[in-house]
Amino acid sequence: MSSVNEQAIGDEAELLAGELNKHIANNDAEAAKKVMRAYRDFRLSASEYHKDLGLVLVLEQHFAILKSKFFDAFGYEWEA
């Protein structure tokens, strides 16, 4: 995988994390759920397309952090 692809994937992950943080700050659980679904779909498609174990692990760790933030903000676990 080229560094350009890695940068684009990283940028998208950070964009979605920023959106989640915005919705958490606004106490908007429904909008936050939409971002979580978008991140899940992004993570799955990026992992399937690139088939890079390192990338999969990084995205999985980042997703776990976002799920933890969601739980801390709204008091329940996000479920797909």
PDB file of N, CA and C in Angstrom:
ATOM      1  N   MET A   1       0.854  -1.174   0.000  1.00  0.00           N
ATOM      2  CA  MET A   1       0.000   0.000   0.000  1.00  0.00           C
ATOM      3  C   MET A   1       0.897   1.234   0.000  1.00  0.00           C
ATOM      4  N   SER A   2       0.567   2.186  -0.805  1.00  0.00           N
ATOM      5  CA  SER A   2       1.392   3.386  -0.874  1.00  0.00           C
ATOM      6  C   SER A   2       1.089   4.320   0.286  1.00  0.00           C
ATOM      7  N   SER A   3       2.031   5.208   0.533  1.00  0.00           N
ATOM      8  CA  SER A   3       1.843   6.156   1.632  1.00  0.00           C
ATOM      9  C   SER A   3       0.697   7.124   1.350  1.00  0.00           C
ATOM     10  N   VAL A   4       0.400   7.360   0.056  1.00  0.00           N
ATOM     11  CA  VAL A   4      -0.735   8.222  -0.293  1.00  0.00           C
ATOM     12  C   VAL A   4      -2.032   7.575   0.192  1.00  0.00           C
ATOM     13  N   ASN A   5      -2.184   6.277  -0.061  1.00  0.00           N
ATOM     14  CA  ASN A   5      -3.378   5.575   0.415  1.00  0.00           C
ATOM     15  C   ASN A   5      -3.450   5.582   1.933  1.00  0.00           C
ATOM     16  N   GLU A   6      -2.318   5.348   2.587  1.00  0.00           N
ATOM     17  CA  GLU A   6      -2.292   5.365   4.049  1.00  0.00           C
ATOM     18  C   GLU A   6      -2.694   6.734   4.572  1.00  0.00           C
ATOM     19  N   GLN A   7      -2.211   7.789   3.926  1.00  0.00           N
ATOM     20  CA  GLN A   7      -2.548   9.146   4.350  1.00  0.00           C
ATOM     21  C   GLN A   7      -4.040   9.410   4.169  1.00  0.00           C
ATOM     22  N   ALA A   8      -4.595   8.985   3.046  1.00  0.00           N
ATOM     23  CA  ALA A   8      -6.025   9.188   2.794  1.00  0.00           C
ATOM     24  C   ALA A   8      -6.870   8.429   3.813  1.00  0.00           C
ATOM     25  N   ILE A   9      -6.470   7.217   4.134  1.00  0.00           N
ATOM     26  CA  ILE A   9      -7.196   6.428   5.129  1.00  0.00           C
ATOM     27  C   ILE A   9      -7.097   7.090   6.497  1.00  0.00           C
ATOM     28  N   GLY A  10      -5.905   7.543   6.852  1.00  0.00           N
ATOM     29  CA  GLY A  10      -5.722   8.242   8.123  1.00  0.00           C
ATOM     30  C   GLY A  10      -6.538   9.520   8.195  1.00  0.00           C
ATOM     31  N   ASP A  11      -6.572  10.257   7.089  1.00  0.00           N
ATOM     32  CA  ASP A  11      -7.353  11.495   7.047  1.00  0.00           C
ATOM     33  C   ASP A  11      -8.839  11.214   7.249  1.00  0.00           C
ATOM     34  N   GLU A  12      -9.345  10.174   6.592  1.00  0.00           N
ATOM     35  CA  GLU A  12     -10.760   9.822   6.732  1.00  0.00           C
ATOM     36  C   GLU A  12     -11.076   9.390   8.163  1.00  0.00           C
ATOM     37  N   ALA A  13     -10.188   8.603   8.748  1.00  0.00           N
ATOM     38  CA  ALA A  13     -10.391   8.156  10.132  1.00  0.00           C
ATOM     39  C   ALA A  13     -10.436   9.350  11.081  1.00  0.00           C
ATOM     40  N   GLU A  14      -9.538  10.291  10.891  1.00  0.00           N
ATOM     41  CA  GLU A  14      -9.510  11.475  11.754  1.00  0.00           C
ATOM     42  C   GLU A  14     -10.718  12.376  11.520  1.00  0.00           C
ATOM     43  N   LEU A  15     -11.162  12.469  10.284  1.00  0.00           N
ATOM     44  CA  LEU A  15     -12.357  13.252   9.980  1.00  0.00           C
ATOM     45  C   LEU A  15     -13.572  12.680  10.710  1.00  0.00           C
ATOM     46  N   LEU A  16     -13.730  11.371  10.643  1.00  0.00           N
ATOM     47  CA  LEU A  16     -14.855  10.728  11.329  1.00  0.00           C
ATOM     48  C   LEU A  16     -14.733  10.863  12.847  1.00  0.00           C
ATOM     49  N   ALA A  17     -13.529  10.748  13.369  1.00  0.00           N
ATOM     50  CA  ALA A  17     -13.328  10.926  14.813  1.00  0.00           C
ATOM     51  C   ALA A  17     -13.692  12.348  15.227  1.00  0.00           C
ATOM     52  N   GLY A  18     -13.337  13.316  14.407  1.00  0.00           N
ATOM     53  CA  GLY A  18     -13.696  14.706  14.688  1.00  0.00           C
ATOM     54  C   GLY A  18     -15.199  14.920  14.686  1.00  0.00           C
ATOM     55  N   GLU A  19     -15.884  14.282  13.732  1.00  0.00           N
ATOM     56  CA  GLU A  19     -17.344  14.360  13.689  1.00  0.00           C
ATOM     57  C   GLU A  19     -17.955  13.754  14.951  1.00  0.00           C
ATOM     58  N   LEU A  20     -17.414  12.620  15.369  1.00  0.00           N
ATOM     59  CA  LEU A  20     -17.922  11.989  16.594  1.00  0.00           C
ATOM     60  C   LEU A  20     -17.734  12.920  17.786  1.00  0.00           C
ATOM     61  N   ASN A  21     -16.555  13.505  17.902  1.00  0.00           N
ATOM     62  CA  ASN A  21     -16.285  14.422  19.017  1.00  0.00           C
ATOM     63  C   ASN A  21     -17.253  15.601  19.011  1.00  0.00           C
ATOM     64  N   LYS A  22     -17.571  16.110  17.818  1.00  0.00           N
ATOM     65  CA  LYS A  22     -18.515  17.227  17.706  1.00  0.00           C
ATOM     66  C   LYS A  22     -19.894  16.813  18.225  1.00  0.00           C
ATOM     67  N   HIS A  23     -20.347  15.636  17.845  1.00  0.00           N
ATOM     68  CA  HIS A  23     -21.672  15.181  18.280  1.00  0.00           C
ATOM     69  C   HIS A  23     -21.690  14.847  19.768  1.00  0.00           C
ATOM     70  N   ILE A  24     -20.584  14.355  20.280  1.00  0.00           N
ATOM     71  CA  ILE A  24     -20.488  14.118  21.724  1.00  0.00           C
ATOM     72  C   ILE A  24     -20.580  15.446  22.466  1.00  0.00           C
ATOM     73  N   ALA A  25     -19.864  16.451  21.980  1.00  0.00           N
ATOM     74  CA  ALA A  25     -19.892  17.773  22.619  1.00  0.00           C
ATOM     75  C   ALA A  25     -21.301  18.362  22.608  1.00  0.00           C
ATOM     76  N   ASN A  26     -22.070  18.056  21.561  1.00  0.00           N
ATOM     77  CA  ASN A  26     -23.449  18.541  21.456  1.00  0.00           C
ATOM     78  C   ASN A  26     -24.454  17.604  22.120  1.00  0.00           C
ATOM     79  N   ASN A  27     -23.952  16.528  22.736  1.00  0.00           N
ATOM     80  CA  ASN A  27     -24.791  15.527  23.405  1.00  0.00           C
ATOM     81  C   ASN A  27     -25.853  14.954  22.458  1.00  0.00           C
ATOM     82  N   ASP A  28     -25.444  14.722  21.219  1.00  0.00           N
ATOM     83  CA  ASP A  28     -26.348  14.221  20.181  1.00  0.00           C
ATOM     84  C   ASP A  28     -26.033  12.752  19.890  1.00  0.00           C
ATOM     85  N   ALA A  29     -26.663  11.863  20.640  1.00  0.00           N
ATOM     86  CA  ALA A  29     -26.387  10.429  20.519  1.00  0.00           C
ATOM     87  C   ALA A  29     -26.781   9.881  19.150  1.00  0.00           C
ATOM     88  N   GLU A  30     -27.879  10.349  18.597  1.00  0.00           N
ATOM     89  CA  GLU A  30     -28.330   9.830  17.296  1.00  0.00           C
ATOM     90  C   GLU A  30     -27.337  10.170  16.192  1.00  0.00           C
ATOM     91  N   ALA A  31     -26.846  11.391  16.172  1.00  0.00           N
ATOM     92  CA  ALA A  31     -25.845  11.772  15.170  1.00  0.00           C
ATOM     93  C   ALA A  31     -24.541  11.015  15.408  1.00  0.00           C
ATOM     94  N   ALA A  32     -24.195  10.809  16.665  1.00  0.00           N
ATOM     95  CA  ALA A  32     -22.980  10.055  16.996  1.00  0.00           C
ATOM     96  C   ALA A  32     -23.101   8.612  16.516  1.00  0.00           C
ATOM     97  N   LYS A  33     -24.285   8.027  16.631  1.00  0.00           N
ATOM     98  CA  LYS A  33     -24.506   6.661  16.144  1.00  0.00           C
ATOM     99  C   LYS A  33     -24.281   6.579  14.634  1.00  0.00           C
ATOM    100  N   LYS A  34     -24.721   7.596  13.914  1.00  0.00           N
ATOM    101  CA  LYS A  34     -24.516   7.613  12.458  1.00  0.00           C
ATOM    102  C   LYS A  34     -23.031   7.648  12.118  1.00  0.00           C
ATOM    103  N   VAL A  35     -22.272   8.421  12.879  1.00  0.00           N
ATOM    104  CA  VAL A  35     -20.827   8.485  12.653  1.00  0.00           C
ATOM    105  C   VAL A  35     -20.183   7.144  12.979  1.00  0.00           C
ATOM    106  N   MET A  36     -20.630   6.511  14.038  1.00  0.00           N
ATOM    107  CA  MET A  36     -20.077   5.199  14.392  1.00  0.00           C
ATOM    108  C   MET A  36     -20.356   4.184  13.281  1.00  0.00           C
ATOM    109  N   ARG A  37     -21.553   4.217  12.719  1.00  0.00           N
ATOM    110  CA  ARG A  37     -21.863   3.314  11.602  1.00  0.00           C
ATOM    111  C   ARG A  37     -20.990   3.638  10.394  1.00  0.00           C
ATOM    112  N   ALA A  38     -20.799   4.914  10.130  1.00  0.00           N
ATOM    113  CA  ALA A  38     -19.954   5.318   9.003  1.00  0.00           C
ATOM    114  C   ALA A  38     -18.518   4.855   9.214  1.00  0.00           C
ATOM    115  N   TYR A  39     -18.014   4.979  10.449  1.00  0.00           N
ATOM    116  CA  TYR A  39     -16.642   4.530  10.727  1.00  0.00           C
ATOM    117  C   TYR A  39     -16.551   3.015  10.579  1.00  0.00           C
ATOM    118  N   ARG A  40     -17.543   2.296  11.079  1.00  0.00           N
ATOM    119  CA  ARG A  40     -17.542   0.838  10.944  1.00  0.00           C
ATOM    120  C   ARG A  40     -17.483   0.441   9.470  1.00  0.00           C
ATOM    121  N   ASP A  41     -18.322   1.057   8.652  1.00  0.00           N
ATOM    122  CA  ASP A  41     -18.349   0.740   7.224  1.00  0.00           C
ATOM    123  C   ASP A  41     -17.030   1.113   6.557  1.00  0.00           C
ATOM    124  N   PHE A  42     -16.487   2.270   6.907  1.00  0.00           N
ATOM    125  CA  PHE A  42     -15.200   2.713   6.374  1.00  0.00           C
ATOM    126  C   PHE A  42     -14.101   1.727   6.752  1.00  0.00           C
ATOM    127  N   ARG A  43     -14.074   1.327   8.006  1.00  0.00           N
ATOM    128  CA  ARG A  43     -13.055   0.399   8.509  1.00  0.00           C
ATOM    129  C   ARG A  43     -13.133  -0.923   7.763  1.00  0.00           C
ATOM    130  N   LEU A  44     -14.328  -1.437   7.591  1.00  0.00           N
ATOM    131  CA  LEU A  44     -14.500  -2.713   6.891  1.00  0.00           C
ATOM    132  C   LEU A  44     -14.077  -2.621   5.428  1.00  0.00           C
ATOM    133  N   SER A  45     -14.504  -1.577   4.739  1.00  0.00           N
ATOM    134  CA  SER A  45     -14.154  -1.472   3.319  1.00  0.00           C
ATOM    135  C   SER A  45     -12.662  -1.220   3.127  1.00  0.00           C
ATOM    136  N   ALA A  46     -12.054  -0.406   3.971  1.00  0.00           N
ATOM    137  CA  ALA A  46     -10.608  -0.165   3.861  1.00  0.00           C
ATOM    138  C   ALA A  46      -9.836  -1.443   4.140  1.00  0.00           C
ATOM    139  N   SER A  47     -10.273  -2.199   5.125  1.00  0.00           N
ATOM    140  CA  SER A  47      -9.601  -3.452   5.474  1.00  0.00           C
ATOM    141  C   SER A  47      -9.732  -4.483   4.357  1.00  0.00           C
ATOM    142  N   GLU A  48     -10.917  -4.581   3.770  1.00  0.00           N
ATOM    143  CA  GLU A  48     -11.137  -5.547   2.690  1.00  0.00           C
ATOM    144  C   GLU A  48     -10.368  -5.167   1.434  1.00  0.00           C
ATOM    145  N   TYR A  49     -10.323  -3.873   1.128  1.00  0.00           N
ATOM    146  CA  TYR A  49      -9.674  -3.416  -0.093  1.00  0.00           C
ATOM    147  C   TYR A  49      -8.159  -3.559  -0.013  1.00  0.00           C
ATOM    148  N   HIS A  50      -7.576  -3.165   1.107  1.00  0.00           N
ATOM    149  CA  HIS A  50      -6.114  -3.124   1.214  1.00  0.00           C
ATOM    150  C   HIS A  50      -5.501  -4.413   1.738  1.00  0.00           C
ATOM    151  N   LYS A  51      -6.252  -5.195   2.489  1.00  0.00           N
ATOM    152  CA  LYS A  51      -5.777  -6.483   3.013  1.00  0.00           C
ATOM    153  C   LYS A  51      -4.388  -6.366   3.658  1.00  0.00           C
ATOM    154  N   ASP A  52      -4.222  -5.347   4.470  1.00  0.00           N
ATOM    155  CA  ASP A  52      -2.962  -5.078   5.160  1.00  0.00           C
ATOM    156  C   ASP A  52      -3.217  -5.261   6.654  1.00  0.00           C
ATOM    157  N   LEU A  53      -2.587  -6.274   7.248  1.00  0.00           N
ATOM    158  CA  LEU A  53      -2.848  -6.588   8.654  1.00  0.00           C
ATOM    159  C   LEU A  53      -2.531  -5.409   9.568  1.00  0.00           C
ATOM    160  N   GLY A  54      -1.457  -4.694   9.288  1.00  0.00           N
ATOM    161  CA  GLY A  54      -1.114  -3.530  10.101  1.00  0.00           C
ATOM    162  C   GLY A  54      -2.206  -2.480  10.058  1.00  0.00           C
ATOM    163  N   LEU A  55      -2.733  -2.226   8.876  1.00  0.00           N
ATOM    164  CA  LEU A  55      -3.822  -1.263   8.713  1.00  0.00           C
ATOM    165  C   LEU A  55      -5.066  -1.729   9.459  1.00  0.00           C
ATOM    166  N   VAL A  56      -5.388  -2.994   9.313  1.00  0.00           N
ATOM    167  CA  VAL A  56      -6.562  -3.548   9.997  1.00  0.00           C
ATOM    168  C   VAL A  56      -6.438  -3.354  11.504  1.00  0.00           C
ATOM    169  N   LEU A  57      -5.271  -3.637  12.045  1.00  0.00           N
ATOM    170  CA  LEU A  57      -5.069  -3.500  13.492  1.00  0.00           C
ATOM    171  C   LEU A  57      -5.183  -2.051  13.948  1.00  0.00           C
ATOM    172  N   VAL A  58      -4.610  -1.139  13.192  1.00  0.00           N
ATOM    173  CA  VAL A  58      -4.691   0.280  13.554  1.00  0.00           C
ATOM    174  C   VAL A  58      -6.140   0.755  13.520  1.00  0.00           C
ATOM    175  N   LEU A  59      -6.861   0.412  12.469  1.00  0.00           N
ATOM    176  CA  LEU A  59      -8.266   0.822  12.380  1.00  0.00           C
ATOM    177  C   LEU A  59      -9.109   0.182  13.479  1.00  0.00           C
ATOM    178  N   GLU A  60      -8.803  -1.060  13.815  1.00  0.00           N
ATOM    179  CA  GLU A  60      -9.535  -1.746  14.885  1.00  0.00           C
ATOM    180  C   GLU A  60      -9.283  -1.066  16.233  1.00  0.00           C
ATOM    181  N   GLN A  61      -8.035  -0.686  16.485  1.00  0.00           N
ATOM    182  CA  GLN A  61      -7.704   0.015  17.736  1.00  0.00           C
ATOM    183  C   GLN A  61      -8.394   1.370  17.790  1.00  0.00           C
ATOM    184  N   HIS A  62      -8.380   2.090  16.673  1.00  0.00           N
ATOM    185  CA  HIS A  62      -9.012   3.403  16.623  1.00  0.00           C
ATOM    186  C   HIS A  62     -10.515   3.272  16.851  1.00  0.00           C
ATOM    187  N   PHE A  63     -11.122   2.253  16.250  1.00  0.00           N
ATOM    188  CA  PHE A  63     -12.555   2.025  16.428  1.00  0.00           C
ATOM    189  C   PHE A  63     -12.876   1.709  17.887  1.00  0.00           C
ATOM    190  N   ALA A  64     -12.028   0.943  18.541  1.00  0.00           N
ATOM    191  CA  ALA A  64     -12.224   0.629  19.964  1.00  0.00           C
ATOM    192  C   ALA A  64     -12.184   1.905  20.804  1.00  0.00           C
ATOM    193  N   ILE A  65     -11.295   2.816  20.464  1.00  0.00           N
ATOM    194  CA  ILE A  65     -11.210   4.099  21.175  1.00  0.00           C
ATOM    195  C   ILE A  65     -12.498   4.896  20.966  1.00  0.00           C
ATOM    196  N   LEU A  66     -12.992   4.930  19.731  1.00  0.00           N
ATOM    197  CA  LEU A  66     -14.227   5.664  19.453  1.00  0.00           C
ATOM    198  C   LEU A  66     -15.416   5.049  20.187  1.00  0.00           C
ATOM    199  N   LYS A  67     -15.476   3.721  20.244  1.00  0.00           N
ATOM    200  CA  LYS A  67     -16.556   3.066  20.993  1.00  0.00           C
ATOM    201  C   LYS A  67     -16.473   3.413  22.478  1.00  0.00           C
ATOM    202  N   SER A  68     -15.276   3.502  23.004  1.00  0.00           N
ATOM    203  CA  SER A  68     -15.089   3.871  24.404  1.00  0.00           C
ATOM    204  C   SER A  68     -15.542   5.310  24.648  1.00  0.00           C
ATOM    205  N   LYS A  69     -15.208   6.204  23.727  1.00  0.00           N
ATOM    206  CA  LYS A  69     -15.653   7.599  23.845  1.00  0.00           C
ATOM    207  C   LYS A  69     -17.175   7.677  23.824  1.00  0.00           C
ATOM    208  N   PHE A  70     -17.781   6.905  22.936  1.00  0.00           N
ATOM    209  CA  PHE A  70     -19.241   6.883  22.850  1.00  0.00           C
ATOM    210  C   PHE A  70     -19.834   6.430  24.180  1.00  0.00           C
ATOM    211  N   PHE A  71     -19.301   5.347  24.731  1.00  0.00           N
ATOM    212  CA  PHE A  71     -19.791   4.833  26.009  1.00  0.00           C
ATOM    213  C   PHE A  71     -19.629   5.872  27.117  1.00  0.00           C
ATOM    214  N   ASP A  72     -18.467   6.488  27.193  1.00  0.00           N
ATOM    215  CA  ASP A  72     -18.223   7.498  28.229  1.00  0.00           C
ATOM    216  C   ASP A  72     -19.194   8.667  28.107  1.00  0.00           C
ATOM    217  N   ALA A  73     -19.530   9.036  26.881  1.00  0.00           N
ATOM    218  CA  ALA A  73     -20.395  10.196  26.666  1.00  0.00           C
ATOM    219  C   ALA A  73     -21.866   9.893  26.918  1.00  0.00           C
ATOM    220  N   PHE A  74     -22.321   8.715  26.504  1.00  0.00           N
ATOM    221  CA  PHE A  74     -23.757   8.446  26.518  1.00  0.00           C
ATOM    222  C   PHE A  74     -24.181   7.361  27.504  1.00  0.00           C
ATOM    223  N   GLY A  75     -23.221   6.672  28.101  1.00  0.00           N
ATOM    224  CA  GLY A  75     -23.538   5.714  29.154  1.00  0.00           C
ATOM    225  C   GLY A  75     -24.000   4.348  28.688  1.00  0.00           C
ATOM    226  N   TYR A  76     -23.904   4.081  27.411  1.00  0.00           N
ATOM    227  CA  TYR A  76     -24.233   2.744  26.905  1.00  0.00           C
ATOM    228  C   TYR A  76     -23.344   2.436  25.710  1.00  0.00           C
ATOM    229  N   GLU A  77     -23.190   1.146  25.445  1.00  0.00           N
ATOM    230  CA  GLU A  77     -22.326   0.725  24.350  1.00  0.00           C
ATOM    231  C   GLU A  77     -23.019   0.926  23.015  1.00  0.00           C
ATOM    232  N   TRP A  78     -22.233   1.375  22.051  1.00  0.00           N
ATOM    233  CA  TRP A  78     -22.750   1.493  20.695  1.00  0.00           C
ATOM    234  C   TRP A  78     -22.866   0.099  20.098  1.00  0.00           C
ATOM    235  N   GLU A  79     -23.983  -0.161  19.440  1.00  0.00           N
ATOM    236  CA  GLU A  79     -24.178  -1.428  18.737  1.00  0.00           C
ATOM    237  C   GLU A  79     -24.655  -1.132  17.331  1.00  0.00           C
ATOM    238  N   ALA A  80     -24.151  -1.915  16.409  1.00  0.00           N
ATOM    239  CA  ALA A  80     -24.497  -1.723  14.994  1.00  0.00           C
ATOM    240  C   ALA A  80     -25.953  -1.995  14.732  1.00  0.00           C
TER     241      ALA A  80
END
